[in-house]
Amino acid sequence: MAQVWKCSGLRWSPEGPVLVWDGGRCSALPRGKQVGFAVPEGGVRTCVGARGHACPVRAVVPGRSTGARCEECARLDRAHSVAADTFADDPRPYRVYLAWFGPGMVKVGITAVERGSARLLEQGAVCFSRLGTGPLMAARRAEELLRAALQVPDRIPYAEKRAVRSALPGTEEERAAQVRELHARAVALSGWPESLRPEPCEVIDHMGAFGLADVPVAFGEVVELVPGGGVSGELVAAAGPDLHLAVGGRGVVVLDTRLMTGWELVPPADEGAAGLSFPVREFTRRPEGLF
């Protein structure tokens, strides 16, 4: 009988992306690695719980959910997140940042200083610059100020990020230009919280870390895992939670690893062969048509 694994998601380590499995085992994901798994016939996707605790009812969750949590566990998880603003007395220092995902795609956000660049790698930010450092609530006020004054969002859908990855500007300076311009406007704003220390513009580029230079255009994205289905292919790029896999004659498909959580997974039936039998949403227009 094949060994069964449950995926806890993709994490970004200093050495690159790794898949984390229940029990603590990690699988490094260097480019060129063959990645493959299948969902057994009759498999069911169950809630992953919240804040390190198992779901008390092992609720079944939809295959297309990227959170893999039932309604109650999702509520508990969000209630204890920084985004919920429920920990105003958090003593840790936070950073405000500008993150760039493609032409016209810049967002503002905050992250704990202790996390370094991890939050930006997890989001798939192609490049970013820090704006300021200070207490959590000051960082929150600055984030709201920037959203209103600069008209930049605090969230960009992953579908939009994926659509432009194979047609990004080729030089770091081109990719950094919009971040530099917005950074200069941001630090010049009145109303900047006094307890937030401004930081100079220093654009950090993740193009190499993600392997996005000359990445082949993907034909589509996996929309859900299903019992009896599987995928196997060569890893050509990884950005945020997404793996870009070359799956044989069909080309490259994007797999959001958040869709893997909650499933019991086994090795593919033919471990040496590339293939794909999960449902896919094909991209209807090429990224070149966006510009």
Protein backbone atom coordinates (compact mmCIF):
# COMPACT_ATOMS: atom_id res chain seq x y z
CA MET A 1 0.00 0.00 0.00
CA ALA A 2 1.33 3.44 -0.98
CA GLN A 3 2.44 5.74 1.81
CA VAL A 4 -0.01 8.59 2.44
CA TRP A 5 1.07 12.18 3.13
CA LYS A 6 -0.84 15.31 4.14
CA CYS A 7 0.55 18.62 2.94
CA SER A 8 0.66 21.62 5.30
CA GLY A 9 1.52 24.05 2.50
CA LEU A 10 4.48 25.73 0.85
CA ARG A 11 6.98 27.74 2.90
CA TRP A 12 9.86 29.95 1.79
CA SER A 13 13.14 29.14 3.56
CA PRO A 14 16.46 31.00 3.08
CA GLU A 15 17.39 28.23 0.62
CA GLY A 16 14.17 28.49 -1.38
CA PRO A 17 10.66 27.00 -1.42
CA VAL A 18 9.81 23.82 0.48
CA LEU A 19 6.66 21.75 0.82
CA VAL A 20 5.82 21.07 4.46
CA TRP A 21 4.05 17.85 5.45
CA ASP A 22 2.14 16.92 8.59
CA GLY A 23 4.63 15.65 11.13
CA GLY A 24 7.27 18.23 10.19
CA ARG A 25 8.87 16.63 7.16
CA CYS A 26 9.91 19.08 4.43
CA SER A 27 10.58 18.56 0.72
CA ALA A 28 12.91 21.10 -0.92
CA LEU A 29 11.77 22.39 -4.31
CA PRO A 30 14.81 23.27 -6.44
CA ARG A 31 14.08 24.16 -10.06
CA GLY A 32 14.27 21.14 -12.32
CA LYS A 33 12.91 18.79 -9.64
CA GLN A 34 10.22 16.31 -10.65
CA VAL A 35 7.10 17.03 -8.59
CA GLY A 36 4.26 14.52 -8.58
CA PHE A 37 1.38 13.26 -6.45
CA ALA A 38 -2.15 11.88 -6.73
CA VAL A 39 -5.37 11.84 -4.71
CA PRO A 40 -6.59 8.27 -4.03
CA GLU A 41 -9.99 7.19 -5.32
CA GLY A 42 -12.58 7.95 -2.68
CA GLY A 43 -10.42 10.62 -1.05
CA VAL A 44 -12.08 13.43 0.90
CA ARG A 45 -10.68 16.88 1.70
CA THR A 46 -11.02 17.75 5.38
CA CYS A 47 -10.61 21.01 7.29
CA VAL A 48 -7.04 21.77 8.41
CA GLY A 49 -8.18 23.40 11.67
CA ALA A 50 -7.02 26.73 13.11
CA ARG A 51 -3.97 28.06 14.93
CA GLY A 52 -2.37 24.64 15.27
CA HIS A 53 -5.51 22.89 16.53
CA ALA A 54 -7.34 20.17 14.59
CA CYS A 55 -10.88 20.78 13.41
CA PRO A 56 -13.09 19.25 16.12
CA VAL A 57 -15.58 17.82 13.59
CA ARG A 58 -13.14 17.05 10.73
CA ALA A 59 -15.46 18.97 8.43
CA VAL A 60 -15.37 18.30 4.68
CA VAL A 61 -14.26 21.41 2.73
CA PRO A 62 -14.64 22.31 -0.97
CA GLY A 63 -11.88 21.36 -3.39
CA ARG A 64 -11.56 24.91 -4.72
CA SER A 65 -11.05 26.56 -1.32
CA THR A 66 -7.52 27.92 -0.92
CA GLY A 67 -7.98 28.16 2.85
CA ALA A 68 -9.05 24.52 3.39
CA ARG A 69 -10.97 25.52 6.52
CA CYS A 70 -14.58 25.12 7.55
CA GLU A 71 -16.52 28.26 8.42
CA GLU A 72 -15.88 28.02 12.16
CA CYS A 73 -12.14 27.30 11.88
CA ALA A 74 -11.74 30.09 9.31
CA ARG A 75 -13.40 32.50 11.74
CA LEU A 76 -11.11 31.42 14.60
CA ASP A 77 -8.00 31.65 12.42
CA ARG A 78 -8.81 35.17 11.24
CA ALA A 79 -9.73 36.33 14.75
CA HIS A 80 -6.14 35.66 15.82
CA SER A 81 -4.44 37.19 12.80
CA VAL A 82 -2.70 40.56 12.54
CA ALA A 83 -5.13 41.50 9.76
CA ALA A 84 -8.03 41.36 12.23
CA ASP A 85 -6.58 44.19 14.35
CA THR A 86 -7.33 42.24 17.54
CA PHE A 87 -3.80 42.54 18.98
CA ALA A 88 -3.27 46.27 19.30
CA ASP A 89 -0.76 45.67 22.14
CA ASP A 90 1.50 43.41 20.07
CA PRO A 91 4.98 44.55 21.21
CA ARG A 92 6.81 43.39 18.09
CA PRO A 93 8.06 45.99 15.58
CA TYR A 94 6.39 45.97 12.16
CA ARG A 95 7.39 47.16 8.72
CA VAL A 96 5.26 48.87 6.10
CA TYR A 97 6.21 47.91 2.54
CA LEU A 98 5.35 48.49 -1.12
CA ALA A 99 5.22 45.29 -3.20
CA TRP A 100 5.24 45.11 -7.02
CA PHE A 101 3.77 42.16 -8.96
CA GLY A 102 3.76 43.58 -12.50
CA PRO A 103 3.14 46.83 -14.39
CA GLY A 104 0.39 48.73 -12.58
CA MET A 105 0.23 46.12 -9.80
CA VAL A 106 1.55 47.61 -6.55
CA LYS A 107 0.14 46.99 -3.08
CA VAL A 108 0.90 48.27 0.39
CA GLY A 109 1.15 45.94 3.37
CA ILE A 110 2.71 45.31 6.77
CA THR A 111 4.74 42.45 8.18
CA ALA A 112 6.55 41.71 11.44
CA VAL A 113 10.22 42.71 11.27
CA GLU A 114 11.22 39.25 12.56
CA ARG A 115 9.77 37.65 9.41
CA GLY A 116 12.24 39.39 7.10
CA SER A 117 11.28 38.95 3.44
CA ALA A 118 9.23 35.79 4.03
CA ARG A 119 5.86 37.52 3.75
CA LEU A 120 6.82 39.06 0.41
CA LEU A 121 8.03 35.72 -0.98
CA GLU A 122 4.81 34.06 0.18
CA GLN A 123 2.74 36.65 -1.68
CA GLY A 124 4.73 36.28 -4.89
CA ALA A 125 6.04 39.87 -4.84
CA VAL A 126 8.43 40.24 -7.77
CA CYS A 127 10.12 43.16 -6.02
CA PHE A 128 9.49 45.35 -2.98
CA SER A 129 10.83 48.11 -0.77
CA ARG A 130 10.35 48.81 2.90
CA LEU A 131 8.76 52.15 3.79
CA GLY A 132 8.96 52.40 7.56
CA THR A 133 9.31 50.53 10.85
CA GLY A 134 7.46 50.96 14.13
CA PRO A 135 4.67 49.69 16.42
CA LEU A 136 1.82 47.67 14.92
CA MET A 137 -0.87 50.34 15.16
CA ALA A 138 1.40 53.00 13.67
CA ALA A 139 2.13 50.64 10.78
CA ARG A 140 -1.60 50.08 10.37
CA ARG A 141 -2.26 53.85 10.26
CA ALA A 142 0.45 54.32 7.65
CA GLU A 143 -1.00 51.49 5.57
CA GLU A 144 -4.43 53.16 5.58
CA LEU A 145 -2.89 56.55 4.77
CA LEU A 146 -1.08 55.13 1.75
CA ARG A 147 -4.12 53.28 0.47
CA ALA A 148 -6.14 56.47 0.49
CA ALA A 149 -3.49 58.97 -0.65
CA LEU A 150 -1.70 56.88 -3.28
CA GLN A 151 -4.68 54.81 -4.40
CA VAL A 152 -2.85 51.52 -3.93
CA PRO A 153 -4.67 48.41 -2.64
CA ASP A 154 -3.68 46.14 0.24
CA ARG A 155 -4.59 43.03 -1.75
CA ILE A 156 -4.12 41.82 -5.34
CA PRO A 157 -5.82 38.60 -6.51
CA TYR A 158 -3.46 35.75 -7.35
CA ALA A 159 -5.14 35.30 -10.74
CA GLU A 160 -3.93 38.77 -11.73
CA LYS A 161 -0.40 38.05 -10.52
CA ARG A 162 -0.26 34.81 -12.53
CA ALA A 163 -1.49 36.49 -15.70
CA VAL A 164 1.62 38.68 -16.07
CA ARG A 165 4.46 36.46 -14.86
CA SER A 166 5.72 35.37 -18.27
CA ALA A 167 5.82 38.95 -19.62
CA LEU A 168 7.53 40.93 -16.86
CA PRO A 169 10.08 43.67 -17.68
CA GLY A 170 13.53 42.20 -18.23
CA THR A 171 15.70 44.48 -16.06
CA GLU A 172 15.66 45.12 -12.33
CA GLU A 173 15.54 48.88 -12.91
CA GLU A 174 12.42 48.59 -15.06
CA ARG A 175 10.76 46.45 -12.42
CA ALA A 176 11.79 48.84 -9.63
CA ALA A 177 10.69 52.08 -11.31
CA GLN A 178 7.10 52.17 -10.04
CA VAL A 179 8.15 51.20 -6.50
CA ARG A 180 10.70 54.01 -6.41
CA GLU A 181 8.16 56.55 -7.63
CA LEU A 182 5.52 55.53 -5.07
CA HIS A 183 8.09 55.36 -2.27
CA ALA A 184 9.10 58.98 -2.90
CA ARG A 185 5.45 60.08 -2.85
CA ALA A 186 4.73 58.04 0.30
CA VAL A 187 7.50 59.46 2.51
CA ALA A 188 6.53 63.00 1.43
CA LEU A 189 2.94 62.63 2.69
CA SER A 190 1.71 64.62 5.66
CA GLY A 191 0.06 62.61 8.42
CA TRP A 192 2.88 60.04 8.60
CA PRO A 193 2.71 58.48 12.12
CA GLU A 194 5.42 59.98 14.35
CA SER A 195 6.31 56.61 15.88
CA LEU A 196 6.98 55.08 12.46
CA ARG A 197 10.59 55.48 11.35
CA PRO A 198 10.83 56.05 7.57
CA GLU A 199 13.25 53.82 5.68
CA PRO A 200 15.12 54.69 2.48
CA CYS A 201 14.02 53.13 -0.79
CA GLU A 202 15.94 49.90 -1.34
CA VAL A 203 14.22 47.70 -3.90
CA ILE A 204 14.75 43.96 -3.39
CA ASP A 205 14.13 41.84 -6.49
CA HIS A 206 12.80 38.25 -6.33
CA MET A 207 12.90 37.46 -10.05
CA GLY A 208 15.88 35.14 -9.58
CA ALA A 209 14.52 33.54 -6.40
CA PHE A 210 11.29 32.68 -8.20
CA GLY A 211 12.98 31.56 -11.42
CA LEU A 212 10.69 33.78 -13.50
CA ALA A 213 13.27 34.97 -16.03
CA ASP A 214 12.27 33.45 -19.38
CA VAL A 215 9.68 31.23 -17.68
CA PRO A 216 7.50 29.50 -20.34
CA VAL A 217 3.98 30.86 -20.73
CA ALA A 218 1.55 28.68 -18.74
CA PHE A 219 -1.51 27.37 -20.58
CA GLY A 220 -3.68 27.36 -17.44
CA GLU A 221 -4.04 26.77 -13.72
CA VAL A 222 -5.24 23.81 -11.67
CA VAL A 223 -8.59 24.79 -10.15
CA GLU A 224 -8.98 21.91 -7.69
CA LEU A 225 -7.72 18.47 -6.75
CA VAL A 226 -10.13 15.56 -7.22
CA PRO A 227 -10.16 11.90 -6.14
CA GLY A 228 -8.46 9.72 -8.72
CA GLY A 229 -6.58 12.67 -10.25
CA GLY A 230 -2.90 13.48 -10.23
CA VAL A 231 -0.11 15.67 -11.55
CA SER A 232 3.54 15.07 -12.35
CA GLY A 233 5.97 17.47 -13.97
CA GLU A 234 9.23 19.37 -13.83
CA LEU A 235 9.35 22.46 -11.64
CA VAL A 236 10.32 25.42 -13.85
CA ALA A 237 9.42 28.26 -11.45
CA ALA A 238 7.86 28.92 -8.04
CA ALA A 239 6.33 32.21 -6.90
CA GLY A 240 4.32 32.73 -3.73
CA PRO A 241 2.26 29.56 -3.22
CA ASP A 242 2.38 28.68 -6.93
CA LEU A 243 4.40 25.96 -8.65
CA HIS A 244 4.88 26.24 -12.43
CA LEU A 245 5.13 22.64 -13.65
CA ALA A 246 6.02 21.38 -17.14
CA VAL A 247 3.58 18.49 -17.54
CA GLY A 248 4.70 16.97 -20.83
CA GLY A 249 3.14 17.74 -24.20
CA ARG A 250 0.58 20.14 -22.73
CA GLY A 251 3.22 22.64 -21.60
CA VAL A 252 3.34 24.44 -18.24
CA VAL A 253 0.51 24.55 -15.72
CA VAL A 254 0.32 26.61 -12.52
CA LEU A 255 -0.52 24.72 -9.31
CA ASP A 256 -1.51 26.71 -6.23
CA THR A 257 -0.15 24.56 -3.40
CA ARG A 258 -2.87 25.87 -1.06
CA LEU A 259 -5.21 23.53 -2.97
CA MET A 260 -3.15 20.57 -1.69
CA THR A 261 -3.87 21.11 2.00
CA GLY A 262 -6.54 18.96 3.61
CA TRP A 263 -6.05 16.05 1.16
CA GLU A 264 -4.33 12.73 1.78
CA LEU A 265 -1.84 12.38 -1.11
CA VAL A 266 0.04 9.43 -2.56
CA PRO A 267 2.79 9.07 -5.20
CA PRO A 268 1.52 9.12 -8.82
CA ALA A 269 0.81 5.74 -10.43
CA ASP A 270 3.64 6.27 -12.95
CA GLU A 271 6.26 8.19 -11.01
CA GLY A 272 8.57 8.71 -13.97
CA ALA A 273 6.05 10.15 -16.40
CA ALA A 274 4.78 13.73 -16.74
CA GLY A 275 1.03 14.17 -16.79
CA LEU A 276 -2.01 16.01 -15.47
CA SER A 277 -5.54 14.80 -14.72
CA PHE A 278 -6.83 17.50 -12.34
CA PRO A 279 -9.35 20.06 -13.66
CA VAL A 280 -7.66 23.07 -15.28
CA ARG A 281 -8.85 26.56 -16.14
CA GLU A 282 -7.09 27.57 -19.33
CA PHE A 283 -5.91 31.16 -19.63
CA THR A 284 -8.05 32.87 -22.26
CA ARG A 285 -5.56 35.54 -23.24
CA ARG A 286 -1.79 35.73 -23.33
CA PRO A 287 -0.01 38.11 -20.97
CA GLU A 288 1.45 40.00 -23.97
CA GLY A 289 -2.05 41.20 -24.75
CA LEU A 290 -2.25 43.03 -21.44
CA PHE A 291 0.26 45.74 -22.37
